[in-house]
Every structure is written in C-alpha cells, then in structure tokens.
Amino acid sequence: AFAGELTQGGWIRGTVPRGTRGLALDGRPVEIAPDGSWFAAFDRDAGPEASLAITAADGSTATRTLAVAPRDWQIENVNIPRKPGGPTDAFMAIRAPELARIDAARAIRSDAQGWRQRFVWPARGRISGRFGSQRIYRGEPGSYHSGLDIATGASGTPFVAPADGVVILAAEQPFTLEGHLLMLDHGMGLNSAFLHCSALLVKEGEHVRQGQVIGRIGMSGRATGPHLHWSIKWREARLDPLLFTGSMD
C-alpha cells in the first residue's frame, strides 16, 4: 500500500507486508524501515512510468507499473544567447571544496524520521521562484530552478524546520553561490537545503524538530534580494517542495 504525489518532482510513502525481503524502484533498492514503512520519489525529469518491485518472504517478486504524471513547467523563451564559457579555474578552485562538502553532507545517513511527516512551510511570504522553471536561450535550455524561493521582504526573518531532521551542513563561512547554506537530513535519503541565510541558529550534528527555528533569511551568496531558497532531494532526484506542503493558504 502506498500514497503520495505520483508526478514529476513528487513522492510516495507506503508500507510492505511483514517478512518482505526487498523493495526496488526502477531496479534500485528502496530502504524499508523496521516497521515496514518506506519512502521514494520522482525526479523533476522523471519519465511517464516507474517500476515498483516487491520481493516477498518466499522470494517471489511482484512488479507494479506506476504512472508518473507529467508537469507543465514554467518555461520562458528569451531572445538572447546563453552566456558563453564555463566557470574559470579561479572560481572552481574555491567552488570544488564547497561542492565536496555538499556531496559529503548528502552521503550522511541519520536516524531522522522527518520523511514520515507532512512538511510545514519553513517561512511565509511571496513565492518569487517556482521549482522546475527554466529559461530557453534562443533554443538552448538553461538549467532549471532547483528549489522554491520564498521572498519575505526583509533580511533576518526566522525560518523553521519543515520536518524533523539532523543538521548535515551548516556553512558558517558563506559559500560562493549558496551563501550561508543549511542542510537537513530527514532520513531515508531525503534532505532539505536552505540557501542565502543571514544567520544559522543550529550546528552540524544537531537534531531538530518540525517547526523549530533553525536560521534567518538573508541574501548571502548569489542573491538579488532577501529570500529563502528551499530545495529538496531524495538521492539524486530533485523534488518540488510544494508537493510536500500543499499551498501556503
């Protein structure tokens, strides 16, 4: 049995019968909690179908095909060329260690149980950037927006943990792009990242509860105004925070 958001950038949660030997999504094992619960998700660019295979106690396997609904992403065609050239060597000398820290953080597996919860909004404000939106520069696609932007109008506004978690990265020294970056592991390979903070109020390794104030919104790093960029990943899949919270109303 399972339920959730069977769409691009969405997720599913479910339970398996007692004694189940294994579960796999598109051939990759899915972790099963001691009580039989599990969590899985679908990338922003997931195809129209996914395969869920369950191996029973007797070793037999049953496979179910899931229909993954497509999304109508916000695509903007602009009549200007994409900026030529990639990052400079000087930039990458700074950036490479930052990316290594982010990768190492995402590899951490904690006992957090936030993946079981319905997420709450980390902050209230105007949604100034939607997940999955993308610009096409004279036919050449740019990278899509990997999170959700919440604009509050002022730096220093507190934000809270959307679900229980463990702090896996707290960048006291601002990163080049993300600024003061805060990352939470929610368990089962699910994590949240909060970018451009003006202050971090928790430390790496700390357990936080849903609704706990964990930082303050700002515009550190590469940001044009104070806002909270919130992104969610499950393994390599980028997910839409809106599908975890429902609308802000």
Protein backbone atom coordinates (compact mmCIF):
# COMPACT_ATOMS: atom_id res chain seq x y z
CA ALA A 1 0.00 0.00 0.00
CA PHE A 2 1.25 3.50 -0.80
CA ALA A 3 0.09 7.07 -1.34
CA GLY A 4 1.60 10.39 -2.31
CA GLU A 5 2.21 12.63 -5.31
CA LEU A 6 2.79 10.41 -8.36
CA THR A 7 4.10 13.16 -10.58
CA GLN A 8 7.39 14.68 -11.69
CA GLY A 9 9.11 16.12 -8.62
CA GLY A 10 6.71 14.16 -6.38
CA TRP A 11 6.98 11.38 -3.82
CA ILE A 12 5.34 8.24 -2.44
CA ARG A 13 5.22 6.67 1.02
CA GLY A 14 3.96 3.23 1.85
CA THR A 15 4.22 0.04 3.87
CA VAL A 16 5.11 -3.51 2.92
CA PRO A 17 3.79 -6.75 4.44
CA ARG A 18 5.70 -8.30 7.34
CA GLY A 19 8.56 -10.50 6.14
CA THR A 20 9.06 -8.63 2.86
CA ARG A 21 12.63 -9.24 1.67
CA GLY A 22 13.10 -6.24 -0.54
CA LEU A 23 11.66 -3.30 -2.46
CA ALA A 24 13.04 -1.63 -5.57
CA LEU A 25 12.10 1.42 -7.65
CA ASP A 26 13.27 1.15 -11.26
CA GLY A 27 15.70 -1.56 -10.25
CA ARG A 28 17.30 0.35 -7.36
CA PRO A 29 16.74 -0.91 -3.79
CA VAL A 30 14.48 1.19 -1.56
CA GLU A 31 15.21 1.11 2.17
CA ILE A 32 12.49 -0.38 4.37
CA ALA A 33 12.15 0.82 7.98
CA PRO A 34 11.81 -1.75 10.79
CA ASP A 35 8.04 -1.14 10.91
CA GLY A 36 7.71 -1.85 7.16
CA SER A 37 7.39 1.80 6.09
CA TRP A 38 9.27 3.21 3.09
CA PHE A 39 9.74 6.38 1.06
CA ALA A 40 10.63 7.02 -2.59
CA ALA A 41 10.40 9.93 -5.02
CA PHE A 42 10.46 11.01 -8.68
CA ASP A 43 12.90 13.47 -10.24
CA ARG A 44 11.76 16.67 -11.96
CA ASP A 45 12.55 14.99 -15.30
CA ALA A 46 11.18 11.54 -14.46
CA GLY A 47 9.65 9.57 -17.32
CA PRO A 48 5.95 8.70 -17.58
CA GLU A 49 6.30 5.31 -15.89
CA ALA A 50 8.19 3.84 -12.95
CA SER A 51 8.52 0.23 -11.85
CA LEU A 52 7.99 -0.78 -8.22
CA ALA A 53 9.10 -4.34 -7.41
CA ILE A 54 8.46 -6.09 -4.09
CA THR A 55 10.17 -9.33 -3.09
CA ALA A 56 8.02 -11.36 -0.72
CA ALA A 57 9.12 -13.59 2.16
CA ASP A 58 9.06 -16.66 -0.11
CA GLY A 59 11.40 -14.98 -2.61
CA SER A 60 8.77 -14.30 -5.26
CA THR A 61 8.74 -10.85 -6.84
CA ALA A 62 5.71 -8.83 -7.90
CA THR A 63 6.16 -5.75 -10.07
CA ARG A 64 3.76 -2.85 -10.41
CA THR A 65 4.00 -0.13 -13.05
CA LEU A 66 3.35 3.35 -11.69
CA ALA A 67 2.09 6.17 -13.90
CA VAL A 68 4.13 9.31 -13.18
CA ALA A 69 2.12 12.34 -14.31
CA PRO A 70 3.97 14.99 -16.35
CA ARG A 71 4.10 18.60 -15.14
CA ASP A 72 3.55 21.78 -17.13
CA TRP A 73 6.74 23.56 -16.13
CA GLN A 74 7.06 27.33 -16.33
CA ILE A 75 9.25 27.72 -19.43
CA GLU A 76 10.36 31.17 -20.64
CA ASN A 77 11.80 31.60 -24.12
CA VAL A 78 14.18 34.56 -24.28
CA ASN A 79 15.69 36.01 -27.44
CA ILE A 80 19.21 36.41 -26.10
CA PRO A 81 22.12 33.99 -26.38
CA ARG A 82 23.22 31.96 -23.40
CA LYS A 83 26.35 33.33 -21.74
CA PRO A 84 29.39 31.71 -23.36
CA GLY A 85 32.11 29.86 -21.48
CA GLY A 86 32.09 27.91 -18.26
CA PRO A 87 33.44 28.70 -14.80
CA THR A 88 37.00 29.98 -14.54
CA ASP A 89 39.80 27.98 -12.94
CA ALA A 90 39.98 30.56 -10.17
CA PHE A 91 36.28 30.16 -9.41
CA MET A 92 36.48 26.34 -9.44
CA ALA A 93 39.43 26.43 -7.02
CA ILE A 94 37.01 27.93 -4.49
CA ARG A 95 33.92 26.07 -5.67
CA ALA A 96 35.26 22.49 -5.78
CA PRO A 97 35.72 22.18 -1.97
CA GLU A 98 32.23 23.61 -1.44
CA LEU A 99 30.70 21.02 -3.78
CA ALA A 100 32.69 18.31 -2.00
CA ARG A 101 31.20 19.39 1.34
CA ILE A 102 27.68 19.33 -0.13
CA ASP A 103 28.23 15.84 -1.59
CA ALA A 104 29.68 14.58 1.70
CA ALA A 105 26.70 16.00 3.61
CA ARG A 106 24.22 14.31 1.30
CA ALA A 107 26.01 10.98 1.84
CA ILE A 108 25.29 11.14 5.59
CA ARG A 109 22.57 8.77 6.73
CA SER A 110 20.90 9.66 10.02
CA ASP A 111 18.09 8.15 12.06
CA ALA A 112 15.85 11.17 11.39
CA GLN A 113 12.16 10.41 10.93
CA GLY A 114 11.06 13.59 9.13
CA TRP A 115 10.38 11.59 5.97
CA ARG A 116 7.28 10.22 7.71
CA GLN A 117 5.77 13.68 8.30
CA ARG A 118 3.66 16.06 6.28
CA PHE A 119 6.02 19.01 5.83
CA VAL A 120 5.20 22.53 7.03
CA TRP A 121 6.28 25.78 5.35
CA PRO A 122 9.67 26.94 6.67
CA ALA A 123 8.56 30.56 6.23
CA ARG A 124 5.63 32.59 4.94
CA GLY A 125 5.94 35.08 2.13
CA ARG A 126 5.58 35.58 -1.59
CA ILE A 127 6.69 32.68 -3.77
CA SER A 128 9.14 34.51 -6.01
CA GLY A 129 10.60 31.49 -7.81
CA ARG A 130 8.96 28.16 -8.59
CA PHE A 131 10.60 24.77 -8.69
CA GLY A 132 11.30 23.47 -12.19
CA SER A 133 11.02 26.80 -14.01
CA GLN A 134 13.50 27.24 -16.85
CA ARG A 135 14.72 29.71 -19.45
CA ILE A 136 15.41 28.74 -23.05
CA TYR A 137 18.05 30.99 -24.66
CA ARG A 138 17.37 31.02 -28.41
CA GLY A 139 16.59 27.32 -28.32
CA GLU A 140 19.33 26.39 -25.85
CA PRO A 141 17.93 25.40 -22.43
CA GLY A 142 19.46 26.89 -19.30
CA SER A 143 19.47 24.99 -16.02
CA TYR A 144 16.07 24.77 -14.32
CA HIS A 145 15.30 26.28 -10.91
CA SER A 146 16.07 23.52 -8.42
CA GLY A 147 14.09 24.86 -5.49
CA LEU A 148 11.33 27.15 -4.29
CA ASP A 149 12.01 30.81 -3.43
CA ILE A 150 10.11 32.46 -0.60
CA ALA A 151 10.56 36.25 -0.53
CA THR A 152 9.95 37.94 2.82
CA GLY A 153 10.99 41.49 2.03
CA ALA A 154 13.48 41.75 4.88
CA SER A 155 16.64 40.01 5.98
CA GLY A 156 16.63 38.47 9.45
CA THR A 157 13.20 36.82 9.20
CA PRO A 158 13.38 33.48 11.05
CA PHE A 159 12.59 30.20 9.31
CA VAL A 160 11.78 26.79 10.76
CA ALA A 161 12.50 23.15 10.03
CA PRO A 162 9.79 21.83 7.69
CA ALA A 163 10.16 18.35 9.23
CA ASP A 164 12.28 16.57 11.83
CA GLY A 165 15.90 16.22 10.81
CA VAL A 166 19.59 16.22 11.58
CA VAL A 167 21.81 19.15 10.54
CA ILE A 168 24.26 17.72 7.99
CA LEU A 169 25.80 21.00 6.80
CA ALA A 170 25.95 24.48 8.32
CA ALA A 171 28.20 26.80 6.30
CA GLU A 172 29.41 29.34 8.86
CA GLN A 173 31.66 30.75 6.14
CA PRO A 174 29.39 31.64 3.20
CA PHE A 175 29.65 29.56 0.02
CA THR A 176 30.12 31.39 -3.29
CA LEU A 177 26.63 30.67 -4.65
CA GLU A 178 24.56 29.44 -1.71
CA GLY A 179 25.91 31.87 0.90
CA HIS A 180 25.26 30.60 4.42
CA LEU A 181 23.91 27.17 3.49
CA LEU A 182 21.98 24.95 5.90
CA MET A 183 21.13 21.32 5.09
CA LEU A 184 18.92 18.86 6.99
CA ASP A 185 18.72 15.10 6.59
CA HIS A 186 15.13 13.88 7.06
CA GLY A 187 16.07 10.19 6.87
CA MET A 188 15.70 7.56 4.13
CA GLY A 189 17.85 9.59 1.70
CA LEU A 190 15.57 12.67 1.87
CA ASN A 191 17.14 16.06 2.61
CA SER A 192 16.39 19.78 2.54
CA ALA A 193 18.73 22.67 1.75
CA PHE A 194 18.20 26.32 2.69
CA LEU A 195 20.25 28.94 0.82
CA HIS A 196 21.24 32.60 1.26
CA CYS A 197 20.72 32.66 5.05
CA SER A 198 21.77 35.70 7.08
CA ALA A 199 22.29 33.58 10.22
CA LEU A 200 22.42 29.88 11.13
CA LEU A 201 20.94 29.03 14.52
CA VAL A 202 21.85 25.32 14.65
CA LYS A 203 25.10 23.34 14.41
CA GLU A 204 26.14 20.31 12.36
CA GLY A 205 25.07 17.07 14.04
CA GLU A 206 22.18 18.70 15.90
CA HIS A 207 18.74 17.05 15.87
CA VAL A 208 15.93 19.50 15.09
CA ARG A 209 12.18 19.16 15.36
CA GLN A 210 9.50 20.22 12.90
CA GLY A 211 8.65 23.89 13.49
CA GLN A 212 11.91 24.68 15.34
CA VAL A 213 13.58 27.96 14.31
CA ILE A 214 16.83 26.97 12.60
CA GLY A 215 18.03 30.10 10.79
CA ARG A 216 17.33 33.59 9.49
CA ILE A 217 16.54 34.52 5.90
CA GLY A 218 19.00 36.73 4.04
CA MET A 219 20.72 37.35 0.74
CA SER A 220 24.18 35.87 1.28
CA GLY A 221 25.90 34.26 -1.70
CA ARG A 222 24.50 34.93 -5.15
CA ALA A 223 21.11 36.53 -4.45
CA THR A 224 19.49 39.76 -5.64
CA GLY A 225 17.27 40.26 -2.59
CA PRO A 226 16.37 38.65 0.73
CA HIS A 227 14.65 35.31 0.18
CA LEU A 228 14.78 31.69 1.26
CA HIS A 229 15.67 29.21 -1.49
CA TRP A 230 14.42 25.81 -0.26
CA SER A 231 15.32 22.70 -2.21
CA ILE A 232 14.58 19.03 -1.51
CA LYS A 233 16.38 15.97 -2.83
CA TRP A 234 15.85 12.24 -2.48
CA ARG A 235 19.06 10.52 -3.54
CA GLU A 236 19.85 12.21 -6.88
CA ALA A 237 16.23 13.19 -7.58
CA ARG A 238 15.28 16.87 -7.28
CA LEU A 239 11.81 17.33 -5.79
CA ASP A 240 9.19 20.08 -5.63
CA PRO A 241 8.75 21.42 -2.06
CA LEU A 242 5.20 22.49 -2.94
CA LEU A 243 4.23 18.81 -3.26
CA PHE A 244 5.34 18.23 0.34
CA THR A 245 3.44 21.14 1.93
CA GLY A 246 0.42 21.96 -0.20
CA SER A 247 -0.40 25.62 -0.87
CA MET A 248 0.50 28.31 1.67
CA ASP A 249 -3.15 29.32 2.20
